């Protein structure tokens, strides 16, 4: 009996101000998460898209490229109005393929114009 009497003692409810945190207390955490998302995800992706677009704008004959399918080739012809690039993919058979600008993954930079250190 004594045990039941101690358990049944109820405390008065807490004031309304202390029951639930307001939206303003979460605002710094939300802003911090948005900034983190911007600097880790959005900004690097925009930079990557900008450099890729610049590489495609500067694409010219005899540039070595890699397609999104992993095919290495040398640019033979660039037709910007038709959104088409002709690549030579085999020197022995003189095989060529036509791809769109979007199929070019990257332009391979030549190592100091073919010079090797002594």
N, C-alpha and C. Protein backbone atom coordinates (compact mmCIF):
# COMPACT_ATOMS: atom_id res chain seq x y z
N UNK A 1 0.80 -1.19 0.00
CA UNK A 1 0.00 0.00 0.00
C UNK A 1 0.84 1.26 0.00
N UNK A 2 1.85 1.23 0.73
CA UNK A 2 2.72 2.39 0.81
C UNK A 2 3.38 2.66 -0.54
N UNK A 3 3.72 1.62 -1.23
CA UNK A 3 4.33 1.74 -2.54
C UNK A 3 3.38 2.37 -3.54
N UNK A 4 2.15 2.01 -3.52
CA UNK A 4 1.16 2.58 -4.44
C UNK A 4 0.93 4.05 -4.17
N UNK A 5 1.01 4.46 -2.96
CA UNK A 5 0.80 5.86 -2.62
C UNK A 5 1.93 6.72 -3.15
N UNK A 6 3.13 6.20 -3.18
CA UNK A 6 4.26 6.98 -3.68
C UNK A 6 4.21 7.11 -5.20
N UNK A 7 3.76 6.07 -5.88
CA UNK A 7 3.70 6.10 -7.34
C UNK A 7 2.59 7.01 -7.82
N UNK A 8 1.52 7.10 -7.10
CA UNK A 8 0.37 7.86 -7.56
C UNK A 8 0.55 9.36 -7.42
N UNK A 9 1.60 9.79 -6.79
CA UNK A 9 1.82 11.23 -6.69
C UNK A 9 2.19 11.77 -8.07
N UNK A 10 1.43 12.70 -8.55
CA UNK A 10 1.64 13.25 -9.89
C UNK A 10 2.27 14.63 -9.79
N UNK A 11 3.13 14.92 -10.75
CA UNK A 11 3.76 16.23 -10.81
C UNK A 11 2.91 17.13 -11.69
N UNK A 12 2.89 18.40 -11.42
CA UNK A 12 2.13 19.30 -12.28
C UNK A 12 2.78 19.37 -13.67
N UNK A 13 2.00 19.56 -14.72
CA UNK A 13 2.57 19.64 -16.07
C UNK A 13 3.51 20.83 -16.21
N UNK A 14 4.50 20.68 -17.08
CA UNK A 14 5.47 21.74 -17.31
C UNK A 14 4.79 22.90 -18.04
N UNK A 15 5.29 24.11 -17.85
CA UNK A 15 4.72 25.25 -18.58
C UNK A 15 4.83 25.03 -20.10
N UNK A 16 3.99 25.70 -20.85
CA UNK A 16 3.92 25.53 -22.30
C UNK A 16 5.23 25.90 -22.97
N UNK A 17 5.95 26.88 -22.46
CA UNK A 17 7.20 27.32 -23.07
C UNK A 17 8.27 26.24 -23.04
N UNK A 18 8.24 25.34 -22.08
CA UNK A 18 9.28 24.33 -21.94
C UNK A 18 8.88 22.99 -22.53
N UNK A 19 7.68 22.84 -23.04
CA UNK A 19 7.23 21.55 -23.54
C UNK A 19 7.80 21.23 -24.91
N UNK A 20 7.65 22.10 -25.89
CA UNK A 20 8.10 21.81 -27.25
C UNK A 20 9.01 22.92 -27.74
N UNK A 21 10.13 22.54 -28.35
CA UNK A 21 11.01 23.59 -28.90
C UNK A 21 10.34 24.25 -30.10
N UNK A 22 10.60 25.49 -30.27
CA UNK A 22 9.99 26.22 -31.38
C UNK A 22 10.80 26.03 -32.66
N UNK A 23 10.24 26.48 -33.76
CA UNK A 23 10.90 26.37 -35.07
C UNK A 23 12.20 27.18 -35.10
N UNK A 24 12.23 28.26 -34.36
CA UNK A 24 13.42 29.11 -34.36
C UNK A 24 14.63 28.41 -33.74
N UNK A 25 14.41 27.44 -32.88
CA UNK A 25 15.54 26.73 -32.31
C UNK A 25 16.16 25.75 -33.31
N UNK A 26 15.37 25.31 -34.32
CA UNK A 26 15.88 24.40 -35.35
C UNK A 26 16.46 25.15 -36.56
N UNK A 27 16.19 26.43 -36.66
CA UNK A 27 16.60 27.20 -37.83
C UNK A 27 18.11 27.18 -38.07
N UNK A 28 18.97 27.37 -37.07
CA UNK A 28 20.42 27.31 -37.34
C UNK A 28 20.87 25.94 -37.86
N UNK A 29 20.28 24.88 -37.36
CA UNK A 29 20.64 23.54 -37.84
C UNK A 29 20.20 23.34 -39.29
N UNK A 30 19.03 23.83 -39.64
CA UNK A 30 18.52 23.70 -41.00
C UNK A 30 19.38 24.51 -41.97
N UNK A 31 19.71 25.73 -41.59
CA UNK A 31 20.57 26.58 -42.44
C UNK A 31 21.95 25.95 -42.59
N UNK A 32 22.49 25.42 -41.53
CA UNK A 32 23.81 24.76 -41.60
C UNK A 32 23.78 23.55 -42.52
N UNK A 33 22.72 22.76 -42.46
CA UNK A 33 22.60 21.58 -43.33
C UNK A 33 22.48 22.00 -44.79
N UNK A 34 21.74 23.07 -45.05
CA UNK A 34 21.60 23.55 -46.44
C UNK A 34 22.93 24.07 -46.98
N UNK A 35 23.68 24.77 -46.15
CA UNK A 35 24.99 25.27 -46.59
C UNK A 35 25.95 24.12 -46.85
N UNK A 36 25.93 23.13 -45.99
CA UNK A 36 26.78 21.96 -46.17
C UNK A 36 26.43 21.24 -47.47
N UNK A 37 25.14 21.07 -47.75
CA UNK A 37 24.68 20.43 -48.99
C UNK A 37 25.16 21.23 -50.21
N UNK A 38 25.05 22.56 -50.13
CA UNK A 38 25.47 23.40 -51.26
C UNK A 38 26.97 23.26 -51.52
N UNK A 39 27.78 23.35 -50.48
CA UNK A 39 29.23 23.33 -50.67
C UNK A 39 29.78 21.94 -50.97
N UNK A 40 29.09 20.88 -50.58
CA UNK A 40 29.59 19.54 -50.84
C UNK A 40 28.99 18.90 -52.09
N UNK A 41 27.81 19.29 -52.50
CA UNK A 41 27.14 18.65 -53.62
C UNK A 41 26.96 19.58 -54.82
N UNK A 42 26.28 20.68 -54.64
CA UNK A 42 25.88 21.54 -55.76
C UNK A 42 27.06 22.28 -56.37
N UNK A 43 27.87 22.93 -55.56
CA UNK A 43 28.98 23.74 -56.08
C UNK A 43 30.01 22.92 -56.87
N UNK A 44 30.49 21.77 -56.38
CA UNK A 44 31.44 20.99 -57.18
C UNK A 44 30.83 20.47 -58.48
N UNK A 45 29.55 20.13 -58.47
CA UNK A 45 28.90 19.64 -59.68
C UNK A 45 28.79 20.75 -60.72
N UNK A 46 28.47 21.96 -60.30
CA UNK A 46 28.42 23.09 -61.23
C UNK A 46 29.80 23.37 -61.84
N UNK A 47 30.83 23.29 -61.02
CA UNK A 47 32.19 23.51 -61.50
C UNK A 47 32.56 22.45 -62.55
N UNK A 48 32.20 21.22 -62.28
CA UNK A 48 32.47 20.12 -63.22
C UNK A 48 31.73 20.32 -64.53
N UNK A 49 30.46 20.73 -64.46
CA UNK A 49 29.68 20.98 -65.67
C UNK A 49 30.28 22.14 -66.47
N UNK A 50 30.74 23.16 -65.79
CA UNK A 50 31.31 24.32 -66.48
C UNK A 50 32.60 23.94 -67.20
N UNK A 51 33.48 23.16 -66.56
CA UNK A 51 34.72 22.77 -67.22
C UNK A 51 34.45 21.82 -68.39
N UNK A 52 33.46 20.94 -68.26
CA UNK A 52 33.12 20.03 -69.36
C UNK A 52 32.56 20.82 -70.55
N UNK A 53 31.70 21.79 -70.27
CA UNK A 53 31.14 22.63 -71.34
C UNK A 53 32.24 23.42 -72.03
N UNK A 54 33.21 23.92 -71.27
CA UNK A 54 34.34 24.66 -71.85
C UNK A 54 35.18 23.75 -72.74
N UNK A 55 35.43 22.52 -72.30
CA UNK A 55 36.19 21.57 -73.11
C UNK A 55 35.47 21.29 -74.43
N UNK A 56 34.16 21.14 -74.38
CA UNK A 56 33.41 20.87 -75.61
C UNK A 56 33.39 22.08 -76.54
N UNK A 57 33.35 23.28 -75.97
CA UNK A 57 33.38 24.48 -76.80
C UNK A 57 34.72 24.65 -77.50
N UNK A 58 35.79 24.20 -76.87
CA UNK A 58 37.14 24.32 -77.45
C UNK A 58 37.55 23.11 -78.27
N UNK A 59 36.65 22.16 -78.47
CA UNK A 59 36.96 20.93 -79.20
C UNK A 59 37.29 21.26 -80.66
N UNK A 60 38.40 20.70 -81.16
CA UNK A 60 38.82 20.97 -82.53
C UNK A 60 39.42 19.71 -83.14
N UNK A 61 39.75 19.77 -84.40
CA UNK A 61 40.32 18.64 -85.11
C UNK A 61 41.63 18.22 -84.47
N UNK A 62 41.90 16.91 -84.45
CA UNK A 62 43.11 16.28 -83.91
C UNK A 62 43.17 16.27 -82.39
N UNK A 63 42.10 16.63 -81.70
CA UNK A 63 42.06 16.47 -80.25
C UNK A 63 41.79 15.00 -79.93
N UNK A 64 42.46 14.51 -78.89
CA UNK A 64 42.22 13.13 -78.45
C UNK A 64 41.14 13.17 -77.38
N UNK A 65 40.10 12.31 -77.53
CA UNK A 65 38.97 12.33 -76.62
C UNK A 65 38.60 10.92 -76.18
N UNK A 66 37.78 10.86 -75.13
CA UNK A 66 37.20 9.61 -74.65
C UNK A 66 35.69 9.82 -74.61
N UNK A 67 34.94 8.86 -75.15
CA UNK A 67 33.48 8.97 -75.12
C UNK A 67 32.94 8.42 -73.81
N UNK A 68 31.66 8.62 -73.58
CA UNK A 68 31.05 8.11 -72.36
C UNK A 68 30.99 6.59 -72.36
N UNK A 69 31.13 5.98 -73.53
CA UNK A 69 31.17 4.52 -73.63
C UNK A 69 32.57 3.96 -73.45
N UNK A 70 33.57 4.84 -73.29
CA UNK A 70 34.94 4.39 -73.06
C UNK A 70 35.75 4.22 -74.33
N UNK A 71 35.25 4.73 -75.45
CA UNK A 71 35.97 4.63 -76.72
C UNK A 71 36.94 5.80 -76.85
N UNK A 72 38.21 5.46 -77.10
CA UNK A 72 39.23 6.48 -77.34
C UNK A 72 39.26 6.80 -78.82
N UNK A 73 39.41 8.07 -79.15
CA UNK A 73 39.47 8.44 -80.55
C UNK A 73 40.11 9.80 -80.75
N UNK A 74 40.32 10.12 -82.02
CA UNK A 74 40.88 11.41 -82.42
C UNK A 74 39.82 12.13 -83.23
N UNK A 75 39.58 13.39 -82.91
CA UNK A 75 38.55 14.17 -83.60
C UNK A 75 38.98 14.43 -85.04
N UNK A 76 38.13 14.03 -85.97
CA UNK A 76 38.40 14.27 -87.39
C UNK A 76 37.59 15.44 -87.93
N UNK A 77 36.36 15.61 -87.40
CA UNK A 77 35.48 16.65 -87.90
C UNK A 77 34.54 17.08 -86.78
N UNK A 78 34.31 18.39 -86.68
CA UNK A 78 33.38 18.92 -85.68
C UNK A 78 32.30 19.70 -86.42
N UNK A 79 31.06 19.29 -86.25
CA UNK A 79 29.93 20.00 -86.87
C UNK A 79 29.03 20.50 -85.74
N UNK A 80 29.29 21.71 -85.31
CA UNK A 80 28.56 22.26 -84.17
C UNK A 80 27.08 22.48 -84.48
N UNK A 81 26.76 22.88 -85.69
CA UNK A 81 25.36 23.14 -86.03
C UNK A 81 24.53 21.85 -86.03
N UNK A 82 25.15 20.70 -86.31
CA UNK A 82 24.45 19.42 -86.31
C UNK A 82 24.67 18.64 -85.02
N UNK A 83 25.41 19.22 -84.07
CA UNK A 83 25.70 18.58 -82.79
C UNK A 83 26.35 17.21 -83.01
N UNK A 84 27.39 17.20 -83.85
CA UNK A 84 28.01 15.94 -84.24
C UNK A 84 29.52 16.06 -84.31
N UNK A 85 30.19 15.00 -83.87
CA UNK A 85 31.65 14.92 -83.93
C UNK A 85 32.01 13.60 -84.58
N UNK A 86 32.95 13.63 -85.53
CA UNK A 86 33.44 12.42 -86.18
C UNK A 86 34.78 12.06 -85.54
N UNK A 87 34.88 10.81 -85.07
CA UNK A 87 36.09 10.35 -84.41
C UNK A 87 36.73 9.23 -85.20
N UNK A 88 38.07 9.28 -85.32
CA UNK A 88 38.81 8.16 -85.88
C UNK A 88 39.21 7.29 -84.69
N UNK A 89 38.75 6.02 -84.72
CA UNK A 89 38.99 5.16 -83.57
C UNK A 89 40.04 4.09 -83.82
N UNK A 90 40.45 3.90 -85.09
CA UNK A 90 41.46 2.88 -85.39
C UNK A 90 42.34 3.39 -86.52
N UNK A 91 43.64 3.44 -86.26
CA UNK A 91 44.60 3.90 -87.27
C UNK A 91 44.78 2.89 -88.39
N UNK A 92 44.80 1.61 -88.07
CA UNK A 92 45.09 0.57 -89.06
C UNK A 92 44.00 0.46 -90.11
N UNK A 93 42.75 0.47 -89.68
CA UNK A 93 41.64 0.30 -90.62
C UNK A 93 40.98 1.62 -90.98
N UNK A 94 41.43 2.70 -90.38
CA UNK A 94 40.88 4.02 -90.62
C UNK A 94 39.38 4.06 -90.27
N UNK A 95 38.99 3.35 -89.21
CA UNK A 95 37.59 3.29 -88.79
C UNK A 95 37.19 4.59 -88.12
N UNK A 96 36.00 5.07 -88.48
CA UNK A 96 35.48 6.33 -87.93
C UNK A 96 34.07 6.10 -87.41
N UNK A 97 33.71 6.85 -86.39
CA UNK A 97 32.35 6.85 -85.89
C UNK A 97 31.89 8.28 -85.70
N UNK A 98 30.57 8.46 -85.76
CA UNK A 98 29.99 9.78 -85.51
C UNK A 98 29.25 9.73 -84.19
N UNK A 99 29.51 10.70 -83.34
CA UNK A 99 28.86 10.78 -82.03
C UNK A 99 28.38 12.21 -81.80
N UNK A 100 27.47 12.38 -80.85
CA UNK A 100 27.02 13.72 -80.49
C UNK A 100 28.01 14.36 -79.53
N UNK A 101 27.87 15.66 -79.35
CA UNK A 101 28.75 16.36 -78.40
C UNK A 101 28.57 15.82 -76.99
N UNK A 102 27.35 15.43 -76.64
CA UNK A 102 27.08 14.91 -75.31
C UNK A 102 27.77 13.59 -75.03
N UNK A 103 28.20 12.89 -76.08
CA UNK A 103 28.86 11.59 -75.90
C UNK A 103 30.34 11.74 -75.57
N UNK A 104 30.88 12.93 -75.67
CA UNK A 104 32.29 13.16 -75.34
C UNK A 104 32.41 13.34 -73.83
N UNK A 105 33.11 12.42 -73.18
CA UNK A 105 33.26 12.48 -71.72
C UNK A 105 34.38 13.45 -71.33
N UNK A 106 35.50 13.36 -72.02
CA UNK A 106 36.61 14.25 -71.68
C UNK A 106 37.58 14.35 -72.85
N UNK A 107 38.36 15.41 -72.81
CA UNK A 107 39.42 15.63 -73.79
C UNK A 107 40.72 15.25 -73.10
N UNK A 108 41.51 14.40 -73.76
CA UNK A 108 42.78 13.96 -73.19
C UNK A 108 43.85 14.98 -73.52
N UNK A 109 44.51 15.49 -72.49
CA UNK A 109 45.56 16.48 -72.69
C UNK A 109 46.85 15.78 -73.08
N UNK A 110 47.54 16.33 -74.07
CA UNK A 110 48.84 15.79 -74.45
C UNK A 110 49.87 16.18 -73.41
N UNK A 111 50.82 15.30 -73.15
CA UNK A 111 51.85 15.56 -72.15
C UNK A 111 52.95 16.44 -72.73
N UNK A 112 52.81 17.74 -72.56
CA UNK A 112 53.79 18.74 -72.98
C UNK A 112 54.20 18.51 -74.44
N UNK A 113 53.22 18.31 -75.31
CA UNK A 113 53.43 18.14 -76.76
C UNK A 113 54.31 16.95 -77.07
N UNK A 114 54.22 15.90 -76.29
CA UNK A 114 54.94 14.67 -76.59
C UNK A 114 56.37 14.63 -76.12
N UNK A 115 56.81 15.62 -75.37
CA UNK A 115 58.20 15.64 -74.90
C UNK A 115 58.33 14.73 -73.67
N UNK A 116 59.41 13.95 -73.64
CA UNK A 116 59.69 13.11 -72.49
C UNK A 116 60.93 13.63 -71.79
N UNK A 117 60.94 13.59 -70.45
CA UNK A 117 62.13 14.09 -69.74
C UNK A 117 63.30 13.15 -69.97
N UNK A 118 64.52 13.73 -69.99
CA UNK A 118 65.72 12.94 -70.25
C UNK A 118 66.20 12.17 -69.07
